[in-house]
Amino acid sequence: MNVRDELLKCRTRRQFFKDCGVGLGTLGLASLFNENLFAGSGGVAADDPLRPNKPHVAARAKNVIYLHMAGAPSTLDLFDNKPKLIELNGQPCPDSYIRGQQFAFIKSGKPKLLGSPHKFAKYGQSGQEISEIMPHLATVADELTIIRSMYTDQFNHAPAQLFVHTGSPRLGRPGMGAWLSYGLGTENKNLPSFVVLVSGTAAPDGGASLWGSGFLPTIHQGVQLRSQGDPVLFLSNPEGMDADKRRKSLDAINALNQMQLDLVGDPEIATRISQYELAYRMQTSVPEVMDIAKEPPAIHELYGSKPGEKSFSNNCLLARRLVESGVRFVQLYHWGWDNHGESKAGDLRYGLVDRCKETDRPVAALIKDLKRRGLLDSTLVIWGGEFGRTPMNEERNGSTWLGRDHHQHAFTVWMAGGGAKRGYTHGMTDDLGYHVVEDGVHVHDFQATILRLLGLDHEKLTYRFQGRDYRLTDVHGNVVEKVLG
């Protein structure tokens, strides 16, 4: 057995994190193995044991930009217009809706129905209904596939976020980006195949487990980059160390490591060599792709981006640059959508509007920019939260602000590009937006559909761990054929 095979056999997640910690060591994830693994358009060699040989079906997309609105936006106030709910505003919710149901915070036996304070209109030739607080997204209405019939098994943030992104509400499963990295590899040997960007007032509740590799080889975990300061901590050389000195020092260290590897055959040494090499390459490649200051003024005007700031606008522009550079999966998290109505900041008339002001313009800009560059057809853009919000006003502790509790039975997500059917609305909820009544899409169905658009069969994309085959969709999920373009 050669050193590389021994490495694959012996390397464990626990060992990796014990030895590597943070910083440049973590950047070596995507280059754990020989550079020849990146030969060809698939990003890794066809016979590599860490991924299937090839896509299972014809791919409509090759990249994903997933815009996760952490905290779960109230899609009843954004995409699912309910005139009946407005008509019944302030009246007690019918017993048939709440009998036997469990809520996160609603305690009253007779919560009151809450119609949206925002107006809706139809946009584009497709007539997509979108709220007035998303005017920029309305300009790309005909690019959207709006799914109004999503539902989930979870109604608390962390488990629901884990469920959406890993297929399980419990810790330890690989993120969706890790599965795609495992299945399809990367198209750029100098960048990770799975990149994460975070903005908003806090990190998502599920934490780094949302982009972890779980039981997959750790080369597939997401690498978090920053839009402000060094893209990765300790990426820059320290004072007095230039690129030439860094190269010479690495050559010397690698020579010593190679001698030790030849002597004892410890796979940990081979790992260290690979990490050092990718870290060196990324010192050039990562700052280059993350430098949005090079973009023309018209692009910054389009996105509302400002170089040097930490913002969702900057992250959307970075997402375009990353997929343009061959990154397979770019995940954006933006926290702040948890509008319970416990304060002005959590009120649907204020907090929700503020989040839309932060995100509406750059999201629409991302779609327009990708389309101009000929990238939208091959890039699947996804927008959504972890669950929905109740049609009832929460009124926590007698609050007079307007807000909604967590709701697992119905919510809306949308997709654009990447082979999704454009200008199409899928599914329907009842008159109050409480239950799905037509073409329901479970979280596992949604995951299966995303994989299909990338050319992967969710039942065949498996990994054997602890004696059984695991997959993103567990033992569930059906592709939603109607949303495929």
Protein backbone atom coordinates (compact mmCIF):
# COMPACT_ATOMS: atom_id res chain seq x y z
CA MET A 1 0.00 0.00 0.00
CA ASN A 2 1.48 3.42 -0.98
CA VAL A 3 1.61 6.47 1.26
CA ARG A 4 -1.48 8.04 -0.27
CA ASP A 5 -3.57 4.91 0.28
CA GLU A 6 -2.27 4.66 3.82
CA LEU A 7 -3.28 8.30 4.36
CA LEU A 8 -6.81 7.59 3.17
CA LYS A 9 -7.03 4.59 5.45
CA CYS A 10 -5.65 6.16 8.59
CA ARG A 11 -6.72 9.79 8.50
CA THR A 12 -9.64 10.66 10.75
CA ARG A 13 -11.56 13.87 11.39
CA ARG A 14 -10.56 13.86 15.05
CA GLN A 15 -6.87 13.55 14.17
CA PHE A 16 -7.06 16.33 11.65
CA PHE A 17 -8.63 18.91 13.95
CA LYS A 18 -6.34 17.88 16.80
CA ASP A 19 -3.26 18.65 14.73
CA CYS A 20 -4.33 21.48 12.45
CA GLY A 21 -6.40 23.88 14.49
CA VAL A 22 -7.07 27.06 12.50
CA GLY A 23 -5.30 29.29 10.03
CA LEU A 24 -3.17 28.19 7.12
CA GLY A 25 -3.34 24.52 8.14
CA THR A 26 -7.08 24.53 7.55
CA LEU A 27 -6.52 25.91 4.07
CA GLY A 28 -4.78 22.69 3.13
CA LEU A 29 -8.07 20.79 3.12
CA ALA A 30 -8.61 20.98 -0.61
CA SER A 31 -5.12 19.81 -1.43
CA LEU A 32 -4.76 16.87 0.94
CA PHE A 33 -3.72 14.69 -1.94
CA ASN A 34 -1.53 14.84 -5.00
CA GLU A 35 -2.04 17.63 -7.55
CA ASN A 36 -2.80 15.09 -10.24
CA LEU A 37 -6.18 14.60 -8.56
CA PHE A 38 -7.28 17.88 -10.10
CA ALA A 39 -6.66 16.82 -13.69
CA GLY A 40 -9.57 17.27 -16.10
CA SER A 41 -12.76 19.30 -16.04
CA GLY A 42 -14.26 17.33 -13.18
CA GLY A 43 -11.72 18.71 -10.71
CA VAL A 44 -10.51 15.31 -9.47
CA ALA A 45 -9.29 12.16 -11.15
CA ALA A 46 -12.02 9.84 -12.44
CA ASP A 47 -10.67 6.92 -10.42
CA ASP A 48 -10.25 8.81 -7.15
CA PRO A 49 -11.77 6.75 -4.31
CA LEU A 50 -13.16 9.83 -2.55
CA ARG A 51 -15.87 10.54 -5.12
CA PRO A 52 -18.10 8.81 -7.68
CA ASN A 53 -16.57 8.33 -11.11
CA LYS A 54 -18.79 10.87 -12.87
CA PRO A 55 -22.17 12.63 -12.66
CA HIS A 56 -25.08 10.21 -12.78
CA VAL A 57 -27.27 12.19 -15.20
CA ALA A 58 -26.85 15.15 -17.51
CA ALA A 59 -26.07 18.23 -15.42
CA ARG A 60 -27.95 21.48 -15.93
CA ALA A 61 -25.71 23.40 -13.50
CA LYS A 62 -22.11 23.10 -12.40
CA ASN A 63 -22.00 25.65 -9.55
CA VAL A 64 -24.28 26.67 -6.68
CA ILE A 65 -24.66 29.95 -4.81
CA TYR A 66 -26.89 29.28 -1.80
CA LEU A 67 -28.21 32.41 -0.07
CA HIS A 68 -29.44 31.29 3.34
CA MET A 69 -31.47 33.89 5.23
CA ALA A 70 -30.73 32.66 8.75
CA GLY A 71 -33.54 33.17 11.23
CA ALA A 72 -36.27 32.25 8.73
CA PRO A 73 -37.83 35.19 6.86
CA SER A 74 -41.60 35.56 6.92
CA THR A 75 -42.38 34.51 3.37
CA LEU A 76 -46.06 35.27 4.01
CA ASP A 77 -44.91 38.89 3.87
CA LEU A 78 -42.58 38.41 0.89
CA PHE A 79 -43.83 35.81 -1.61
CA ASP A 80 -47.09 34.19 -0.51
CA ASN A 81 -49.86 36.79 -0.74
CA LYS A 82 -52.93 35.93 1.36
CA PRO A 83 -55.87 38.37 0.89
CA LYS A 84 -58.03 36.19 3.16
CA LEU A 85 -55.53 36.56 5.96
CA ILE A 86 -55.71 40.34 5.58
CA GLU A 87 -59.50 40.17 5.65
CA LEU A 88 -59.44 38.17 8.90
CA ASN A 89 -56.67 40.22 10.49
CA GLY A 90 -57.03 40.39 14.28
CA GLN A 91 -59.55 37.56 14.54
CA PRO A 92 -58.79 34.41 16.59
CA CYS A 93 -57.10 31.61 14.69
CA PRO A 94 -59.53 28.72 14.06
CA ASP A 95 -59.13 25.86 16.54
CA SER A 96 -58.63 23.38 13.68
CA TYR A 97 -55.29 25.01 12.89
CA ILE A 98 -53.83 25.01 16.37
CA ARG A 99 -55.33 21.96 18.06
CA GLY A 100 -52.53 19.52 18.90
CA GLN A 101 -49.86 21.78 17.36
CA GLN A 102 -46.59 22.71 19.01
CA PHE A 103 -45.14 26.21 18.71
CA ALA A 104 -41.85 27.64 19.81
CA PHE A 105 -43.25 30.67 21.65
CA ILE A 106 -47.00 31.10 21.13
CA LYS A 107 -48.67 30.21 24.43
CA SER A 108 -52.13 31.71 24.08
CA GLY A 109 -54.96 29.31 23.30
CA LYS A 110 -56.44 31.82 20.84
CA PRO A 111 -53.65 33.55 18.91
CA LYS A 112 -54.89 36.22 16.53
CA LEU A 113 -54.49 36.05 12.76
CA LEU A 114 -52.08 38.58 11.27
CA GLY A 115 -52.44 39.85 7.70
CA SER A 116 -49.33 41.17 6.03
CA PRO A 117 -48.72 44.91 6.50
CA HIS A 118 -47.06 44.95 3.07
CA LYS A 119 -48.66 45.12 -0.36
CA PHE A 120 -48.04 42.66 -3.18
CA ALA A 121 -48.01 43.09 -6.95
CA LYS A 122 -47.41 40.91 -9.99
CA TYR A 123 -44.19 41.38 -11.93
CA GLY A 124 -42.72 40.29 -15.25
CA GLN A 125 -44.38 38.38 -18.03
CA SER A 126 -44.74 35.46 -15.62
CA GLY A 127 -46.77 37.52 -13.16
CA GLN A 128 -44.77 36.46 -10.10
CA GLU A 129 -46.29 37.90 -6.92
CA ILE A 130 -43.64 39.67 -4.85
CA SER A 131 -43.89 42.06 -1.90
CA GLU A 132 -43.33 45.79 -2.27
CA ILE A 133 -40.35 45.55 0.11
CA MET A 134 -38.37 43.61 -2.51
CA PRO A 135 -38.47 46.06 -5.46
CA HIS A 136 -35.11 45.01 -6.91
CA LEU A 137 -35.92 41.30 -6.94
CA ALA A 138 -39.15 42.18 -8.75
CA THR A 139 -37.05 43.33 -11.72
CA VAL A 140 -35.79 39.74 -12.23
CA ALA A 141 -39.12 38.04 -11.55
CA ASP A 142 -39.01 36.11 -14.82
CA GLU A 143 -35.73 34.44 -13.77
CA LEU A 144 -37.23 32.97 -10.61
CA THR A 145 -38.62 29.55 -9.76
CA ILE A 146 -40.69 30.26 -6.64
CA ILE A 147 -41.61 27.23 -4.53
CA ARG A 148 -44.44 28.20 -2.16
CA SER A 149 -45.08 24.72 -0.84
CA MET A 150 -41.98 23.89 1.19
CA TYR A 151 -42.31 22.15 4.54
CA THR A 152 -39.91 20.73 7.11
CA ASP A 153 -39.80 18.49 10.18
CA GLN A 154 -38.17 21.07 12.47
CA PHE A 155 -39.36 24.30 14.11
CA ASN A 156 -36.28 25.51 16.02
CA HIS A 157 -33.44 27.32 14.30
CA ALA A 158 -30.36 25.15 14.78
CA PRO A 159 -32.03 21.78 14.07
CA ALA A 160 -33.92 23.27 11.10
CA GLN A 161 -30.78 24.81 9.62
CA LEU A 162 -28.91 21.54 10.05
CA PHE A 163 -31.82 19.71 8.42
CA VAL A 164 -31.83 22.00 5.38
CA HIS A 165 -28.07 21.89 4.86
CA THR A 166 -27.04 18.43 6.08
CA GLY A 167 -30.24 16.40 5.80
CA SER A 168 -30.31 15.72 9.55
CA PRO A 169 -31.32 17.85 12.55
CA ARG A 170 -28.43 16.38 14.54
CA LEU A 171 -24.75 17.24 14.42
CA GLY A 172 -22.25 15.17 12.50
CA ARG A 173 -23.56 14.96 8.94
CA PRO A 174 -21.81 16.53 5.93
CA GLY A 175 -23.11 19.82 4.58
CA MET A 176 -24.63 20.01 1.11
CA GLY A 177 -21.52 21.74 -0.22
CA ALA A 178 -19.37 18.94 1.17
CA TRP A 179 -21.53 16.37 -0.63
CA LEU A 180 -21.13 18.28 -3.90
CA SER A 181 -17.39 18.59 -3.37
CA TYR A 182 -17.25 14.83 -2.77
CA GLY A 183 -19.40 14.09 -5.80
CA LEU A 184 -18.03 16.59 -8.31
CA GLY A 185 -14.70 17.94 -7.04
CA THR A 186 -13.38 21.40 -7.82
CA GLU A 187 -12.39 23.16 -11.02
CA ASN A 188 -9.58 25.19 -9.44
CA LYS A 189 -6.77 23.41 -7.62
CA ASN A 190 -5.77 26.66 -5.87
CA LEU A 191 -9.16 27.26 -4.24
CA PRO A 192 -11.43 25.13 -2.05
CA SER A 193 -14.43 23.55 -3.75
CA PHE A 194 -16.74 24.73 -0.93
CA VAL A 195 -16.54 28.30 0.39
CA VAL A 196 -18.63 30.00 3.10
CA LEU A 197 -19.29 33.73 3.66
CA VAL A 198 -21.16 35.03 6.72
CA SER A 199 -22.80 38.41 7.31
CA GLY A 200 -25.51 39.93 9.49
CA THR A 201 -25.75 40.49 13.21
CA ALA A 202 -24.69 36.96 14.22
CA ALA A 203 -23.54 33.62 12.88
CA PRO A 204 -26.24 31.08 12.00
CA ASP A 205 -27.52 29.03 14.96
CA GLY A 206 -26.23 25.77 13.47
CA GLY A 207 -22.67 27.13 13.50
CA ALA A 208 -19.80 25.66 11.54
CA SER A 209 -21.50 22.26 11.53
CA LEU A 210 -23.64 23.59 8.67
CA TRP A 211 -20.59 23.53 6.42
CA GLY A 212 -18.65 20.69 8.01
CA SER A 213 -17.60 17.51 6.23
CA GLY A 214 -19.09 15.16 8.84
CA PHE A 215 -17.91 11.64 8.08
CA LEU A 216 -16.67 12.57 4.59
CA PRO A 217 -12.93 13.15 4.16
CA THR A 218 -12.11 16.55 5.65
CA ILE A 219 -10.90 17.93 2.32
CA HIS A 220 -14.59 18.45 1.51
CA GLN A 221 -15.53 20.73 4.42
CA GLY A 222 -16.40 24.36 3.73
CA VAL A 223 -13.69 26.97 4.16
CA GLN A 224 -14.98 30.21 5.68
CA LEU A 225 -13.59 33.34 4.02
CA ARG A 226 -13.93 36.91 5.25
CA SER A 227 -14.92 39.94 3.18
CA GLN A 228 -13.07 42.31 5.53
CA GLY A 229 -9.36 42.17 6.37
CA ASP A 230 -7.37 39.06 5.49
CA PRO A 231 -9.70 36.61 3.69
CA VAL A 232 -8.41 33.90 6.05
CA LEU A 233 -6.69 34.50 9.38
CA PHE A 234 -2.88 34.37 9.16
CA LEU A 235 -2.99 34.17 5.36
CA SER A 236 -0.50 37.03 4.91
CA ASN A 237 3.21 36.52 5.48
CA PRO A 238 4.52 38.04 8.72
CA GLU A 239 6.75 41.10 8.66
CA GLY A 240 10.16 40.28 7.22
CA MET A 241 8.94 37.24 5.27
CA ASP A 242 8.42 37.70 1.52
CA ALA A 243 7.18 35.16 -1.05
CA ASP A 244 10.69 34.07 -2.05
CA LYS A 245 11.72 33.40 1.54
CA ARG A 246 8.45 31.61 2.17
CA ARG A 247 9.06 29.35 -0.86
CA LYS A 248 12.61 28.52 0.21
CA SER A 249 11.54 27.82 3.78
CA LEU A 250 8.74 25.53 2.58
CA ASP A 251 11.11 23.69 0.26
CA ALA A 252 13.47 23.08 3.17
CA ILE A 253 10.67 21.96 5.50
CA ASN A 254 9.17 19.73 2.84
CA ALA A 255 12.54 18.12 2.12
CA LEU A 256 12.95 17.29 5.80
CA ASN A 257 9.37 16.05 6.02
CA GLN A 258 9.87 13.90 2.93
CA MET A 259 12.97 12.33 4.45
CA GLN A 260 11.03 11.51 7.59
CA LEU A 261 8.10 10.21 5.54
CA ASP A 262 10.38 7.91 3.57
CA LEU A 263 11.88 6.67 6.82
CA VAL A 264 8.75 6.02 8.93
CA GLY A 265 5.84 6.18 6.44
CA ASP A 266 3.65 8.21 8.82
CA PRO A 267 0.64 9.50 6.83
CA GLU A 268 0.46 12.55 9.10
CA ILE A 269 3.69 13.77 7.50
CA ALA A 270 2.26 13.45 3.99
CA THR A 271 -0.76 15.43 5.15
CA ARG A 272 1.45 18.21 6.49
CA ILE A 273 3.35 18.46 3.22
CA SER A 274 0.14 18.80 1.24
CA GLN A 275 -1.25 21.41 3.61
CA TYR A 276 1.83 23.56 3.37
CA GLU A 277 1.73 23.44 -0.42
CA LEU A 278 -1.90 24.46 -0.79
CA ALA A 279 -1.48 27.17 1.83
CA TYR A 280 1.37 28.61 -0.23
CA ARG A 281 -0.69 28.60 -3.43
CA MET A 282 -3.67 30.14 -1.67
CA GLN A 283 -1.59 33.03 -0.40
CA THR A 284 -1.74 34.24 -3.99
CA SER A 285 -5.03 32.86 -5.29
CA VAL A 286 -7.33 33.76 -2.37
CA PRO A 287 -6.41 37.48 -2.07
CA GLU A 288 -6.70 37.78 -5.85
CA VAL A 289 -10.25 36.45 -6.05
CA MET A 290 -11.33 38.25 -2.87
CA ASP A 291 -10.12 41.68 -4.02
CA ILE A 292 -13.39 43.31 -5.10
CA ALA A 293 -11.70 46.72 -5.29
CA LYS A 294 -10.65 45.72 -8.81
CA GLU A 295 -14.28 45.68 -9.94
CA PRO A 296 -15.40 48.72 -11.98
CA PRO A 297 -17.54 51.42 -10.31
CA ALA A 298 -20.61 50.32 -12.26
CA ILE A 299 -20.48 46.89 -10.63
CA HIS A 300 -20.24 48.38 -7.14
CA GLU A 301 -23.18 50.61 -7.99
CA LEU A 302 -25.15 47.58 -9.14
CA TYR A 303 -24.49 45.55 -5.97
CA GLY A 304 -24.23 48.39 -3.49
CA SER A 305 -20.87 46.94 -2.47
CA LYS A 306 -18.08 48.85 -0.74
CA PRO A 307 -14.58 47.33 -0.69
CA GLY A 308 -13.19 46.82 2.80
CA GLU A 309 -16.55 46.49 4.52
CA LYS A 310 -18.22 43.40 5.92
CA SER A 311 -21.58 43.20 4.19
CA PHE A 312 -23.99 40.94 2.38
CA SER A 313 -23.54 43.12 -0.72
CA ASN A 314 -19.81 42.45 -0.75
CA ASN A 315 -20.43 38.74 -0.21
CA CYS A 316 -22.80 38.55 -3.19
CA LEU A 317 -20.15 40.11 -5.41
CA LEU A 318 -17.55 37.73 -3.97
CA ALA A 319 -19.86 34.81 -4.71
CA ARG A 320 -19.90 35.74 -8.38
CA ARG A 321 -16.10 36.05 -8.43
CA LEU A 322 -15.71 32.68 -6.68
CA VAL A 323 -17.92 30.70 -9.06
CA GLU A 324 -16.24 32.52 -11.94
CA SER A 325 -12.95 31.14 -10.58
CA GLY A 326 -14.26 27.57 -10.43
CA VAL A 327 -15.50 27.19 -6.85
CA ARG A 328 -18.20 24.54 -6.86
CA PHE A 329 -20.41 25.65 -3.96
CA VAL A 330 -20.59 29.10 -2.38
CA GLN A 331 -22.72 29.43 0.75
CA LEU A 332 -23.81 32.82 2.05
CA TYR A 333 -25.43 33.15 5.47
CA HIS A 334 -27.13 36.39 6.51
CA TRP A 335 -28.60 36.45 10.01
CA GLY A 336 -31.37 38.72 11.28
CA TRP A 337 -34.67 37.38 9.90
CA ASP A 338 -36.13 36.11 13.19
CA ASN A 339 -39.07 38.55 13.36
CA HIS A 340 -41.00 37.55 16.46
CA GLY A 341 -42.36 41.05 17.10
CA GLU A 342 -40.86 41.27 20.58
CA SER A 343 -39.40 44.72 19.76
CA LYS A 344 -39.24 47.26 16.96
CA ALA A 345 -36.18 45.50 15.53
CA GLY A 346 -38.22 42.29 15.37
CA ASP A 347 -41.33 43.93 13.90
CA LEU A 348 -42.49 42.95 10.40
CA ARG A 349 -42.87 46.64 9.54
CA TYR A 350 -39.33 47.53 10.57
CA GLY A 351 -36.90 44.65 11.13
CA LEU A 352 -38.10 42.68 8.11
CA VAL A 353 -37.91 45.81 5.96
CA ASP A 354 -34.36 46.45 7.16
CA ARG A 355 -33.25 42.94 6.19
CA CYS A 356 -34.79 43.39 2.75
CA LYS A 357 -32.95 46.69 2.32
CA GLU A 358 -29.69 44.88 3.11
CA THR A 359 -30.27 41.98 0.72
CA ASP A 360 -32.75 42.84 -2.03
CA ARG A 361 -30.45 44.94 -4.19
CA PRO A 362 -27.37 42.68 -4.10
CA VAL A 363 -29.44 39.52 -4.72
CA ALA A 364 -31.03 41.02 -7.82
CA ALA A 365 -27.62 42.33 -8.87
CA LEU A 366 -26.11 38.86 -8.53
CA ILE A 367 -28.71 37.38 -10.87
CA LYS A 368 -28.28 40.18 -13.42
CA ASP A 369 -24.48 40.02 -13.24
CA LEU A 370 -24.37 36.25 -13.68
CA LYS A 371 -26.71 36.53 -16.65
CA ARG A 372 -24.63 39.26 -18.33
CA ARG A 373 -21.52 37.12 -18.00
CA GLY A 374 -23.16 33.99 -19.36
CA LEU A 375 -22.90 32.26 -15.96
CA LEU A 376 -26.54 32.06 -14.90
CA ASP A 377 -27.31 29.04 -17.06
CA SER A 378 -24.58 27.07 -15.28
CA THR A 379 -25.00 28.56 -11.79
CA LEU A 380 -27.92 27.62 -9.56
CA VAL A 381 -28.83 30.48 -7.20
CA ILE A 382 -30.95 29.49 -4.19
CA TRP A 383 -32.65 31.78 -1.65
CA GLY A 384 -34.46 30.65 1.49
CA GLY A 385 -34.58 30.17 5.24
CA GLU A 386 -34.89 27.14 7.48
CA PHE A 387 -38.68 27.20 7.99
CA GLY A 388 -41.66 29.56 7.72
CA ARG A 389 -43.58 31.86 10.05
CA THR A 390 -47.07 31.50 11.50
CA PRO A 391 -50.12 33.28 10.06
CA MET A 392 -50.82 34.37 13.65
CA ASN A 393 -49.32 37.27 15.55
CA GLU A 394 -47.04 35.96 18.28
CA GLU A 395 -47.75 38.75 20.80
CA ARG A 396 -45.09 37.43 23.15
CA ASN A 397 -45.67 38.68 26.70
CA GLY A 398 -48.41 40.97 25.42
CA SER A 399 -46.17 42.76 22.92
CA THR A 400 -47.94 45.20 20.57
CA TRP A 401 -45.30 44.85 17.86
CA LEU A 402 -46.10 42.67 14.84
CA GLY A 403 -44.29 39.34 14.57
CA ARG A 404 -44.71 35.68 13.72
CA ASP A 405 -43.60 32.50 15.47
CA HIS A 406 -41.67 29.60 13.87
CA HIS A 407 -43.74 27.51 11.47
CA GLN A 408 -42.69 24.19 9.97
CA HIS A 409 -45.75 23.39 7.86
CA ALA A 410 -45.34 25.90 5.01
CA PHE A 411 -42.76 28.34 3.66
CA THR A 412 -41.31 29.65 0.41
CA VAL A 413 -37.91 29.35 -1.25
CA TRP A 414 -36.83 30.28 -4.74
CA MET A 415 -34.20 29.30 -7.28
CA ALA A 416 -32.80 31.05 -10.34
CA GLY A 417 -30.68 29.82 -13.23
CA GLY A 418 -28.88 26.49 -13.21
CA GLY A 419 -31.56 24.66 -15.16
CA ALA A 420 -34.52 25.61 -12.95
CA LYS A 421 -37.75 26.54 -14.75
CA ARG A 422 -37.82 30.31 -15.09
CA GLY A 423 -40.83 32.46 -14.35
CA TYR A 424 -42.56 29.55 -12.64
CA THR A 425 -44.43 29.28 -9.33
CA HIS A 426 -44.73 25.84 -7.79
CA GLY A 427 -47.19 24.69 -5.13
CA MET A 428 -49.81 26.41 -3.03
CA THR A 429 -50.77 26.95 0.61
CA ASP A 430 -54.27 27.35 2.01
CA ASP A 431 -56.06 30.70 2.36
CA LEU A 432 -54.27 31.47 5.61
CA GLY A 433 -50.85 30.22 4.51
CA TYR A 434 -50.85 27.60 7.27
CA HIS A 435 -50.79 24.28 5.38
CA VAL A 436 -49.53 23.20 1.96
CA VAL A 437 -52.50 22.16 -0.18
CA GLU A 438 -50.87 21.55 -3.57
CA ASP A 439 -47.53 20.09 -4.76
CA GLY A 440 -45.82 19.91 -1.37
CA VAL A 441 -42.02 19.90 -1.36
CA HIS A 442 -40.29 18.41 1.69
CA VAL A 443 -36.75 19.49 2.54
CA HIS A 444 -35.41 16.13 1.31
CA ASP A 445 -37.28 16.61 -1.99
CA PHE A 446 -35.64 20.01 -2.37
CA GLN A 447 -32.20 18.54 -1.69
CA ALA A 448 -32.80 15.75 -4.20
CA THR A 449 -33.80 18.33 -6.80
CA ILE A 450 -30.69 20.44 -6.23
CA LEU A 451 -28.48 17.38 -6.67
CA ARG A 452 -30.34 16.44 -9.87
CA LEU A 453 -29.69 19.89 -11.34
CA LEU A 454 -25.98 19.28 -10.65
CA GLY A 455 -26.13 15.92 -12.41
CA LEU A 456 -26.24 13.75 -9.29
CA ASP A 457 -28.77 11.08 -8.33
CA HIS A 458 -29.47 11.58 -4.63
CA GLU A 459 -29.96 7.83 -4.15
CA LYS A 460 -26.57 7.02 -5.69
CA LEU A 461 -24.50 9.76 -4.05
CA THR A 462 -23.60 7.73 -0.96
CA TYR A 463 -20.75 7.25 1.47
CA ARG A 464 -20.24 4.17 3.64
CA PHE A 465 -19.70 4.99 7.29
CA GLN A 466 -19.96 2.74 10.35
CA GLY A 467 -21.30 -0.14 8.30
CA ARG A 468 -24.04 1.60 6.32
CA ASP A 469 -24.39 3.86 3.29
CA TYR A 470 -25.34 7.46 4.06
CA ARG A 471 -26.67 10.12 1.72
CA LEU A 472 -27.77 13.75 1.96
CA THR A 473 -31.46 12.82 1.74
CA ASP A 474 -31.20 9.95 4.24
CA VAL A 475 -33.78 7.38 3.01
CA HIS A 476 -36.24 9.95 1.71
CA GLY A 477 -36.68 12.48 -1.07
CA ASN A 478 -38.09 12.72 -4.58
CA VAL A 479 -36.92 15.01 -7.36
CA VAL A 480 -39.48 17.75 -8.06
CA GLU A 481 -39.61 17.30 -11.82
CA LYS A 482 -41.97 20.24 -12.37
CA VAL A 483 -39.33 22.79 -11.39
CA LEU A 484 -36.74 21.51 -13.86
CA GLY A 485 -36.35 23.69 -16.91
